[in-house]
């Protein structure tokens, strides 16, 4: 019985290590996602539409203005950014922690949101300083 319990513990430990080895922690958002993204190409011209702006270490959008602490890449690929955001009024004291999920659909479209249930499709705005090669 003791041997069986020990064997089970070893298998569980090895399985959890294998699962975590598939995740890659990055210091910044991959440059393929840098630029301005909007719900549609027409929305790129409309300042009232909820666009998001991504760079290596920052996000600006519906969650406010955020500094990106790190990004986890998981198979799929799917990226999850951990951010520290100031409120929409820009007060430094009112910081909150937020997450942003980024799922690439193609080179000019991503789905992004705080949860999988809230993902919104965004198109890359043309000529907005994108980091990806065309």
C-alpha atoms as a PDB file:
ATOM      1  CA  UNK A   1       0.000   0.000   0.000  1.00  0.00           C
ATOM      2  CA  UNK A   2       2.836   2.411   0.848  1.00  0.00           C
ATOM      3  CA  UNK A   3       4.587   1.612  -2.442  1.00  0.00           C
ATOM      4  CA  UNK A   4       1.404   2.216  -4.413  1.00  0.00           C
ATOM      5  CA  UNK A   5       0.884   5.592  -2.703  1.00  0.00           C
ATOM      6  CA  UNK A   6       4.501   6.580  -3.350  1.00  0.00           C
ATOM      7  CA  UNK A   7       4.235   5.551  -7.010  1.00  0.00           C
ATOM      8  CA  UNK A   8       1.028   7.550  -7.406  1.00  0.00           C
ATOM      9  CA  UNK A   9       2.689  10.615  -5.839  1.00  0.00           C
ATOM     10  CA  UNK A  10       5.635  10.347  -8.251  1.00  0.00           C
ATOM     11  CA  UNK A  11       3.337  10.025 -11.274  1.00  0.00           C
ATOM     12  CA  UNK A  12       1.320  13.067 -10.192  1.00  0.00           C
ATOM     13  CA  UNK A  13       4.502  15.106  -9.642  1.00  0.00           C
ATOM     14  CA  UNK A  14       5.902  14.195 -13.056  1.00  0.00           C
ATOM     15  CA  UNK A  15       2.580  14.903 -14.786  1.00  0.00           C
ATOM     16  CA  UNK A  16       2.333  18.350 -13.209  1.00  0.00           C
ATOM     17  CA  UNK A  17       5.901  19.166 -14.304  1.00  0.00           C
ATOM     18  CA  UNK A  18       5.132  18.064 -17.852  1.00  0.00           C
ATOM     19  CA  UNK A  19       1.994  20.217 -17.933  1.00  0.00           C
ATOM     20  CA  UNK A  20       3.797  23.321 -16.678  1.00  0.00           C
ATOM     21  CA  UNK A  21       6.669  22.846 -19.128  1.00  0.00           C
ATOM     22  CA  UNK A  22       4.271  23.597 -21.989  1.00  0.00           C
ATOM     23  CA  UNK A  23       3.682  27.098 -20.651  1.00  0.00           C
ATOM     24  CA  UNK A  24       6.202  29.770 -21.574  1.00  0.00           C
ATOM     25  CA  UNK A  25       6.542  32.894 -19.457  1.00  0.00           C
ATOM     26  CA  UNK A  26       7.489  36.000 -21.422  1.00  0.00           C
ATOM     27  CA  UNK A  27       8.499  39.436 -20.190  1.00  0.00           C
ATOM     28  CA  UNK A  28       6.474  41.239 -22.857  1.00  0.00           C
ATOM     29  CA  UNK A  29       3.727  40.925 -25.445  1.00  0.00           C
ATOM     30  CA  UNK A  30       5.149  39.362 -28.635  1.00  0.00           C
ATOM     31  CA  UNK A  31       5.806  42.048 -31.230  1.00  0.00           C
ATOM     32  CA  UNK A  32       3.413  40.403 -33.708  1.00  0.00           C
ATOM     33  CA  UNK A  33       0.587  41.859 -31.557  1.00  0.00           C
ATOM     34  CA  UNK A  34       1.958  45.393 -31.206  1.00  0.00           C
ATOM     35  CA  UNK A  35      -0.212  48.116 -32.675  1.00  0.00           C
ATOM     36  CA  UNK A  36      -3.759  49.409 -32.610  1.00  0.00           C
ATOM     37  CA  UNK A  37      -6.635  46.952 -32.842  1.00  0.00           C
ATOM     38  CA  UNK A  38     -10.322  47.762 -33.290  1.00  0.00           C
ATOM     39  CA  UNK A  39     -13.546  45.723 -33.601  1.00  0.00           C
ATOM     40  CA  UNK A  40     -13.450  46.353 -37.384  1.00  0.00           C
ATOM     41  CA  UNK A  41     -11.364  48.276 -39.903  1.00  0.00           C
ATOM     42  CA  UNK A  42     -14.048  50.986 -40.069  1.00  0.00           C
ATOM     43  CA  UNK A  43     -13.775  51.338 -36.284  1.00  0.00           C
ATOM     44  CA  UNK A  44     -10.089  52.298 -36.680  1.00  0.00           C
ATOM     45  CA  UNK A  45     -11.253  55.690 -37.950  1.00  0.00           C
ATOM     46  CA  UNK A  46     -13.951  56.124 -35.307  1.00  0.00           C
ATOM     47  CA  UNK A  47     -12.511  57.386 -32.012  1.00  0.00           C
ATOM     48  CA  UNK A  48     -15.740  56.414 -30.183  1.00  0.00           C
ATOM     49  CA  UNK A  49     -15.210  52.686 -30.863  1.00  0.00           C
ATOM     50  CA  UNK A  50     -13.375  50.681 -28.164  1.00  0.00           C
ATOM     51  CA  UNK A  51      -9.923  50.170 -29.729  1.00  0.00           C
ATOM     52  CA  UNK A  52      -6.997  48.624 -27.878  1.00  0.00           C
ATOM     53  CA  UNK A  53      -3.335  49.566 -28.230  1.00  0.00           C
ATOM     54  CA  UNK A  54      -0.663  46.978 -27.430  1.00  0.00           C
ATOM     55  CA  UNK A  55       3.082  47.316 -27.135  1.00  0.00           C
ATOM     56  CA  UNK A  56       5.693  45.178 -25.448  1.00  0.00           C
ATOM     57  CA  UNK A  57       5.000  46.345 -21.895  1.00  0.00           C
ATOM     58  CA  UNK A  58       1.768  48.349 -22.132  1.00  0.00           C
ATOM     59  CA  UNK A  59      -1.927  48.128 -22.936  1.00  0.00           C
ATOM     60  CA  UNK A  60      -4.492  50.879 -23.404  1.00  0.00           C
ATOM     61  CA  UNK A  61      -8.149  50.072 -23.876  1.00  0.00           C
ATOM     62  CA  UNK A  62     -11.405  49.333 -22.062  1.00  0.00           C
ATOM     63  CA  UNK A  63      -9.510  48.131 -18.949  1.00  0.00           C
ATOM     64  CA  UNK A  64      -7.734  51.497 -18.733  1.00  0.00           C
ATOM     65  CA  UNK A  65      -4.049  52.228 -19.091  1.00  0.00           C
ATOM     66  CA  UNK A  66      -1.973  49.236 -18.004  1.00  0.00           C
ATOM     67  CA  UNK A  67       1.620  48.147 -17.500  1.00  0.00           C
ATOM     68  CA  UNK A  68       2.198  44.519 -18.462  1.00  0.00           C
ATOM     69  CA  UNK A  69       4.027  42.504 -15.808  1.00  0.00           C
ATOM     70  CA  UNK A  70       4.361  39.276 -17.788  1.00  0.00           C
ATOM     71  CA  UNK A  71       2.704  37.158 -20.473  1.00  0.00           C
ATOM     72  CA  UNK A  72       2.075  33.405 -20.329  1.00  0.00           C
ATOM     73  CA  UNK A  73       1.989  31.548 -23.645  1.00  0.00           C
ATOM     74  CA  UNK A  74       0.088  28.281 -23.638  1.00  0.00           C
ATOM     75  CA  UNK A  75      -0.364  25.815 -26.502  1.00  0.00           C
ATOM     76  CA  UNK A  76      -2.887  26.912 -29.055  1.00  0.00           C
ATOM     77  CA  UNK A  77      -1.272  29.470 -28.986  1.00  0.00           C
ATOM     78  CA  UNK A  78      -3.087  31.575 -26.446  1.00  0.00           C
ATOM     79  CA  UNK A  79      -1.452  34.404 -24.524  1.00  0.00           C
ATOM     80  CA  UNK A  80      -2.477  35.644 -21.104  1.00  0.00           C
ATOM     81  CA  UNK A  81      -1.094  39.008 -20.005  1.00  0.00           C
ATOM     82  CA  UNK A  82      -0.989  39.954 -16.318  1.00  0.00           C
ATOM     83  CA  UNK A  83      -1.322  43.730 -16.007  1.00  0.00           C
ATOM     84  CA  UNK A  84      -1.363  46.523 -13.440  1.00  0.00           C
ATOM     85  CA  UNK A  85      -3.882  49.155 -14.501  1.00  0.00           C
ATOM     86  CA  UNK A  86      -4.651  52.667 -13.338  1.00  0.00           C
ATOM     87  CA  UNK A  87      -8.255  53.738 -13.313  1.00  0.00           C
ATOM     88  CA  UNK A  88      -9.657  55.596 -16.305  1.00  0.00           C
ATOM     89  CA  UNK A  89      -9.042  58.875 -14.490  1.00  0.00           C
ATOM     90  CA  UNK A  90      -5.328  58.042 -14.513  1.00  0.00           C
ATOM     91  CA  UNK A  91      -4.841  58.148 -10.741  1.00  0.00           C
ATOM     92  CA  UNK A  92      -1.681  56.222  -9.855  1.00  0.00           C
ATOM     93  CA  UNK A  93      -2.987  55.278  -6.396  1.00  0.00           C
ATOM     94  CA  UNK A  94      -6.047  53.492  -7.818  1.00  0.00           C
ATOM     95  CA  UNK A  95      -4.187  50.544  -9.389  1.00  0.00           C
ATOM     96  CA  UNK A  96      -5.862  47.229 -10.069  1.00  0.00           C
ATOM     97  CA  UNK A  97      -4.638  43.899 -11.395  1.00  0.00           C
ATOM     98  CA  UNK A  98      -6.183  42.726 -14.653  1.00  0.00           C
ATOM     99  CA  UNK A  99      -5.738  39.902 -17.135  1.00  0.00           C
ATOM    100  CA  UNK A 100      -5.914  40.059 -20.908  1.00  0.00           C
ATOM    101  CA  UNK A 101      -6.306  36.943 -23.026  1.00  0.00           C
ATOM    102  CA  UNK A 102      -5.020  37.257 -26.595  1.00  0.00           C
ATOM    103  CA  UNK A 103      -5.835  34.560 -29.124  1.00  0.00           C
ATOM    104  CA  UNK A 104      -4.438  35.132 -32.624  1.00  0.00           C
ATOM    105  CA  UNK A 105      -6.932  34.377 -35.390  1.00  0.00           C
ATOM    106  CA  UNK A 106      -4.628  35.383 -38.274  1.00  0.00           C
ATOM    107  CA  UNK A 107      -1.899  37.990 -38.866  1.00  0.00           C
ATOM    108  CA  UNK A 108      -4.430  40.833 -38.916  1.00  0.00           C
ATOM    109  CA  UNK A 109      -7.034  39.622 -36.433  1.00  0.00           C
ATOM    110  CA  UNK A 110      -6.986  38.659 -32.769  1.00  0.00           C
ATOM    111  CA  UNK A 111      -9.610  37.853 -30.173  1.00  0.00           C
ATOM    112  CA  UNK A 112      -8.989  39.590 -26.860  1.00  0.00           C
ATOM    113  CA  UNK A 113     -10.736  39.979 -23.517  1.00  0.00           C
ATOM    114  CA  UNK A 114     -10.499  39.460 -19.782  1.00  0.00           C
ATOM    115  CA  UNK A 115     -12.072  35.974 -19.958  1.00  0.00           C
ATOM    116  CA  UNK A 116     -12.733  33.406 -22.663  1.00  0.00           C
ATOM    117  CA  UNK A 117     -16.439  34.248 -22.436  1.00  0.00           C
ATOM    118  CA  UNK A 118     -15.748  37.941 -23.110  1.00  0.00           C
ATOM    119  CA  UNK A 119     -13.375  37.602 -26.093  1.00  0.00           C
ATOM    120  CA  UNK A 120     -13.993  40.168 -28.836  1.00  0.00           C
ATOM    121  CA  UNK A 121     -12.608  39.960 -32.378  1.00  0.00           C
ATOM    122  CA  UNK A 122     -10.266  42.860 -33.231  1.00  0.00           C
ATOM    123  CA  UNK A 123      -8.767  43.791 -36.601  1.00  0.00           C
ATOM    124  CA  UNK A 124      -5.365  45.448 -36.930  1.00  0.00           C
ATOM    125  CA  UNK A 125      -5.680  49.119 -37.794  1.00  0.00           C
ATOM    126  CA  UNK A 126      -3.629  49.935 -40.889  1.00  0.00           C
ATOM    127  CA  UNK A 127      -0.575  52.148 -40.456  1.00  0.00           C
ATOM    128  CA  UNK A 128      -0.784  52.208 -36.671  1.00  0.00           C
ATOM    129  CA  UNK A 129       2.835  51.358 -35.882  1.00  0.00           C
ATOM    130  CA  UNK A 130       2.361  47.616 -35.860  1.00  0.00           C
ATOM    131  CA  UNK A 131       5.285  45.422 -34.882  1.00  0.00           C
ATOM    132  CA  UNK A 132       4.419  42.551 -37.196  1.00  0.00           C
ATOM    133  CA  UNK A 133       5.871  42.252 -40.658  1.00  0.00           C
ATOM    134  CA  UNK A 134       3.324  42.414 -43.449  1.00  0.00           C
END
